[in-house]
Amino acid sequence: MKSRDWFKMTRSSWFLGIDLGTGSCKSVVIDEKASILGFGVGDYSGSDAHDRWQEQDPGELVQAAINSVRNALAGADVDPIQCAGISIGGGAAQPAGARQQRRALNRCHHLG
């Protein structure tokens, strides 16, 4: 077997996309033609640390990602071993400032 043979897509290959957004995690399972096979959502909250600051608990982000992936896979009816790729976007591993906050606004104006 050649070193790249393990990556050859099969007829039942599928892909998982995970997006950690501002208030929820969305996951989608697609096939090699980009047809949607399953979709899932996991919600999480943010906490207001200061005026116009918002932070998110990384534990909640992880749990939301797990929930959204499970929901997407449950609707997709796919063989886990046939996953050909995973894409993850967003999120953090510590209390993370949410994108809608304005904490750095003065700094940005200063940098001009």
Foldseek 3Di string as FASTA:
>chain_A
DDPCPLLDADPQAKEKEWEQAQFKIKIFIAHPVRDTQFIFIFGFDWDAPDVQWTWGALVSSVVRRVRGVVRRCVRRPGDVVRYNYYHYYDDDDHGDTHPRGCPCVVVVVVVD
